[in-house]
N, C-alpha and C. Protein backbone atom coordinates (compact mmCIF):
# COMPACT_ATOMS: atom_id res chain seq x y z
N MET A 1 -0.47 8.69 -62.11
CA MET A 1 -1.65 9.47 -61.58
C MET A 1 -2.71 8.95 -62.32
N ALA A 2 -4.05 9.68 -62.24
CA ALA A 2 -5.02 8.96 -62.91
C ALA A 2 -6.01 10.31 -63.53
N ILE A 3 -6.60 9.64 -64.37
CA ILE A 3 -7.66 10.90 -65.38
C ILE A 3 -8.31 11.45 -64.34
N SER A 4 -8.48 11.34 -63.04
CA SER A 4 -9.12 12.51 -62.07
C SER A 4 -8.52 13.63 -61.88
N SER A 5 -7.21 13.48 -62.14
CA SER A 5 -5.95 14.30 -61.77
C SER A 5 -5.80 15.26 -62.99
N LEU A 6 -6.91 15.12 -63.92
CA LEU A 6 -6.81 16.04 -65.19
C LEU A 6 -7.60 17.25 -64.73
N THR A 7 -7.18 18.50 -65.36
CA THR A 7 -8.01 19.81 -65.29
C THR A 7 -9.19 19.31 -66.20
N PRO A 8 -10.51 20.40 -66.06
CA PRO A 8 -11.57 20.23 -66.81
C PRO A 8 -11.25 20.01 -68.55
N ARG A 9 -10.03 21.38 -68.89
CA ARG A 9 -9.95 21.47 -70.33
C ARG A 9 -8.95 20.29 -70.50
N GLU A 10 -8.38 19.75 -69.76
CA GLU A 10 -7.42 18.48 -70.47
C GLU A 10 -8.39 17.40 -70.38
N THR A 11 -9.44 17.38 -69.88
CA THR A 11 -10.26 16.21 -69.69
C THR A 11 -11.12 16.07 -71.16
N GLU A 12 -11.45 17.55 -71.33
CA GLU A 12 -11.97 18.07 -72.71
C GLU A 12 -11.29 17.42 -73.79
N ILE A 13 -10.13 17.79 -73.70
CA ILE A 13 -9.26 17.42 -74.92
C ILE A 13 -8.89 16.00 -75.05
N LEU A 14 -8.67 15.33 -74.13
CA LEU A 14 -8.61 13.80 -74.10
C LEU A 14 -9.83 13.41 -74.63
N GLU A 15 -11.05 13.78 -74.37
CA GLU A 15 -12.20 13.19 -75.00
C GLU A 15 -12.37 13.46 -76.32
N LEU A 16 -11.64 14.47 -76.78
CA LEU A 16 -11.75 14.81 -78.26
C LEU A 16 -10.81 13.95 -78.98
N VAL A 17 -9.85 13.66 -78.26
CA VAL A 17 -8.47 12.71 -78.60
C VAL A 17 -9.11 11.15 -78.80
N VAL A 18 -9.95 10.76 -77.58
CA VAL A 18 -10.72 9.45 -77.91
C VAL A 18 -11.74 9.59 -78.96
N GLN A 19 -12.21 10.66 -79.34
CA GLN A 19 -13.45 10.66 -80.18
C GLN A 19 -12.64 10.66 -81.72
N GLY A 20 -11.29 10.42 -82.08
CA GLY A 20 -10.49 10.72 -83.24
C GLY A 20 -9.83 11.84 -83.41
N MET A 21 -10.21 13.07 -83.02
CA MET A 21 -9.42 14.26 -83.48
C MET A 21 -8.34 14.46 -83.46
N TYR A 22 -7.78 15.33 -84.55
CA TYR A 22 -6.29 15.59 -84.84
C TYR A 22 -5.86 17.13 -83.97
N ASN A 23 -4.70 17.06 -83.31
CA ASN A 23 -4.49 18.29 -83.13
C ASN A 23 -5.09 19.78 -83.26
N LYS A 24 -4.89 19.57 -84.66
CA LYS A 24 -5.76 20.88 -85.50
C LYS A 24 -7.02 20.93 -85.37
N GLU A 25 -7.81 19.53 -85.29
CA GLU A 25 -9.27 19.55 -85.38
C GLU A 25 -9.39 20.18 -83.67
N ILE A 26 -8.62 19.70 -82.70
CA ILE A 26 -9.07 20.06 -81.41
C ILE A 26 -9.25 21.29 -81.57
N ALA A 27 -7.56 22.03 -81.83
CA ALA A 27 -7.56 23.47 -81.75
C ALA A 27 -8.58 24.40 -82.41
N HIS A 28 -9.11 23.94 -83.64
CA HIS A 28 -10.34 24.58 -84.02
C HIS A 28 -11.69 24.43 -83.21
N HIS A 29 -12.12 23.29 -82.93
CA HIS A 29 -13.29 23.27 -82.28
C HIS A 29 -13.18 23.78 -80.87
N LEU A 30 -12.12 23.91 -80.12
CA LEU A 30 -12.08 24.58 -78.92
C LEU A 30 -11.81 25.93 -79.23
N GLY A 31 -11.18 26.63 -80.25
CA GLY A 31 -11.06 27.83 -80.59
C GLY A 31 -9.88 28.38 -79.70
N ILE A 32 -8.79 27.36 -79.80
CA ILE A 32 -7.59 27.94 -78.89
C ILE A 32 -6.66 27.59 -80.18
N LYS A 33 -5.39 27.80 -79.74
CA LYS A 33 -4.12 27.83 -80.61
C LYS A 33 -3.57 25.92 -81.03
N TYR A 34 -3.11 26.02 -81.95
CA TYR A 34 -2.82 24.28 -82.20
C TYR A 34 -1.63 24.23 -81.04
N SER A 35 -0.65 25.04 -80.57
CA SER A 35 0.47 25.08 -79.64
C SER A 35 -0.01 24.44 -78.33
N THR A 36 -1.24 25.22 -77.81
CA THR A 36 -1.93 25.05 -76.74
C THR A 36 -2.68 23.93 -76.63
N VAL A 37 -2.93 23.17 -77.50
CA VAL A 37 -3.66 21.86 -77.55
C VAL A 37 -1.96 20.80 -77.44
N LYS A 38 -1.03 20.99 -78.33
CA LYS A 38 0.29 20.07 -78.19
C LYS A 38 0.61 20.57 -76.44
N ASN A 39 0.51 21.59 -75.95
CA ASN A 39 0.90 21.63 -74.46
C ASN A 39 0.09 21.17 -73.49
N HIS A 40 -1.17 20.88 -73.76
CA HIS A 40 -2.04 20.29 -72.76
C HIS A 40 -1.94 18.97 -72.91
N LEU A 41 -1.63 18.39 -74.19
CA LEU A 41 -1.26 16.80 -74.53
C LEU A 41 0.29 16.20 -73.87
N THR A 42 0.81 17.28 -73.60
CA THR A 42 2.48 17.04 -73.02
C THR A 42 1.85 16.56 -71.69
N VAL A 43 1.28 17.60 -71.02
CA VAL A 43 0.61 17.44 -69.56
C VAL A 43 -0.29 16.05 -69.11
N ILE A 44 -0.81 15.92 -70.11
CA ILE A 44 -1.96 14.77 -70.36
C ILE A 44 -1.21 13.57 -70.13
N PHE A 45 -0.14 13.32 -71.01
CA PHE A 45 0.70 12.38 -71.42
C PHE A 45 1.07 11.99 -70.01
N ARG A 46 1.97 13.16 -69.19
CA ARG A 46 2.95 12.98 -68.19
C ARG A 46 1.92 12.55 -66.82
N LYS A 47 0.82 13.14 -66.85
CA LYS A 47 -0.07 12.97 -65.71
C LYS A 47 -0.76 11.38 -65.70
N LEU A 48 -0.84 10.80 -67.10
CA LEU A 48 -1.11 9.45 -66.94
C LEU A 48 -0.17 8.43 -67.25
N GLY A 49 1.34 9.01 -67.44
CA GLY A 49 2.25 7.94 -67.44
C GLY A 49 2.20 7.26 -68.77
N VAL A 50 1.85 7.96 -70.24
CA VAL A 50 1.48 7.27 -71.33
C VAL A 50 2.74 8.25 -72.23
N THR A 51 3.26 7.82 -73.51
CA THR A 51 4.02 8.62 -74.19
C THR A 51 3.37 8.88 -75.51
N SER A 52 1.91 8.77 -75.91
CA SER A 52 1.54 8.94 -77.15
C SER A 52 -0.26 9.18 -76.88
N ARG A 53 -0.45 9.88 -77.77
CA ARG A 53 -1.95 10.09 -78.04
C ARG A 53 -2.70 8.70 -77.95
N THR A 54 -2.10 7.59 -78.67
CA THR A 54 -3.09 6.35 -78.50
C THR A 54 -3.00 5.77 -77.21
N GLN A 55 -2.03 5.66 -76.79
CA GLN A 55 -1.93 5.09 -75.36
C GLN A 55 -2.61 6.15 -74.51
N ALA A 56 -2.99 7.22 -74.57
CA ALA A 56 -3.62 8.09 -73.60
C ALA A 56 -5.15 7.89 -74.12
N ALA A 57 -5.58 7.73 -75.22
CA ALA A 57 -6.91 7.24 -75.62
C ALA A 57 -7.05 6.00 -74.86
N LEU A 58 -6.57 5.16 -75.32
CA LEU A 58 -6.52 3.57 -74.69
C LEU A 58 -6.89 3.74 -73.28
N TYR A 59 -5.87 4.34 -72.27
CA TYR A 59 -5.76 4.91 -70.84
C TYR A 59 -7.28 5.27 -70.56
N ALA A 60 -7.84 6.13 -71.32
CA ALA A 60 -9.00 6.86 -70.98
C ALA A 60 -9.97 5.85 -71.33
N VAL A 61 -10.33 5.11 -72.14
CA VAL A 61 -11.11 4.14 -72.24
C VAL A 61 -10.97 2.98 -71.51
N GLN A 62 -10.12 2.57 -70.95
CA GLN A 62 -9.60 1.64 -69.87
C GLN A 62 -10.25 1.88 -68.52
N HIS A 63 -10.38 3.23 -68.39
CA HIS A 63 -10.50 3.89 -67.24
C HIS A 63 -11.64 4.51 -67.17
N LYS A 64 -12.61 4.43 -68.11
CA LYS A 64 -13.88 5.32 -67.89
C LYS A 64 -14.92 5.54 -67.01
N GLU A 65 -14.67 4.72 -65.79
CA GLU A 65 -15.12 4.95 -64.56
C GLU A 65 -14.63 6.07 -63.79
N ASP A 66 -13.44 6.50 -64.33
CA ASP A 66 -12.93 7.62 -63.59
C ASP A 66 -13.09 8.94 -64.23
N ARG A 67 -13.62 8.92 -65.44
CA ARG A 67 -13.81 9.91 -66.28
C ARG A 67 -14.83 11.12 -65.98
N ARG A 68 -14.53 12.39 -65.85
CA ARG A 68 -15.82 12.96 -65.14
C ARG A 68 -16.71 13.69 -66.29
N ALA A 69 -15.89 13.72 -67.61
CA ALA A 69 -16.91 14.39 -68.56
C ALA A 69 -17.11 13.66 -69.71
N PHE A 70 -16.47 12.33 -69.86
CA PHE A 70 -16.79 11.58 -71.08
C PHE A 70 -18.27 10.91 -71.10
């Protein structure tokens, strides 16, 4: 799949991962639970076909033309 398949919230979380934020920081920044961030990342990984936040961030940077909110 592609970044364009991500929801706006998933895109927002991926953007924060690209910026180097940890899950707890993302949760605090967005006002959501830590577990919700983890759930979103699991879905993001599946949609992008990656297995880690580093791979997801790298994918996002390499496919920046597909990004809607970055």
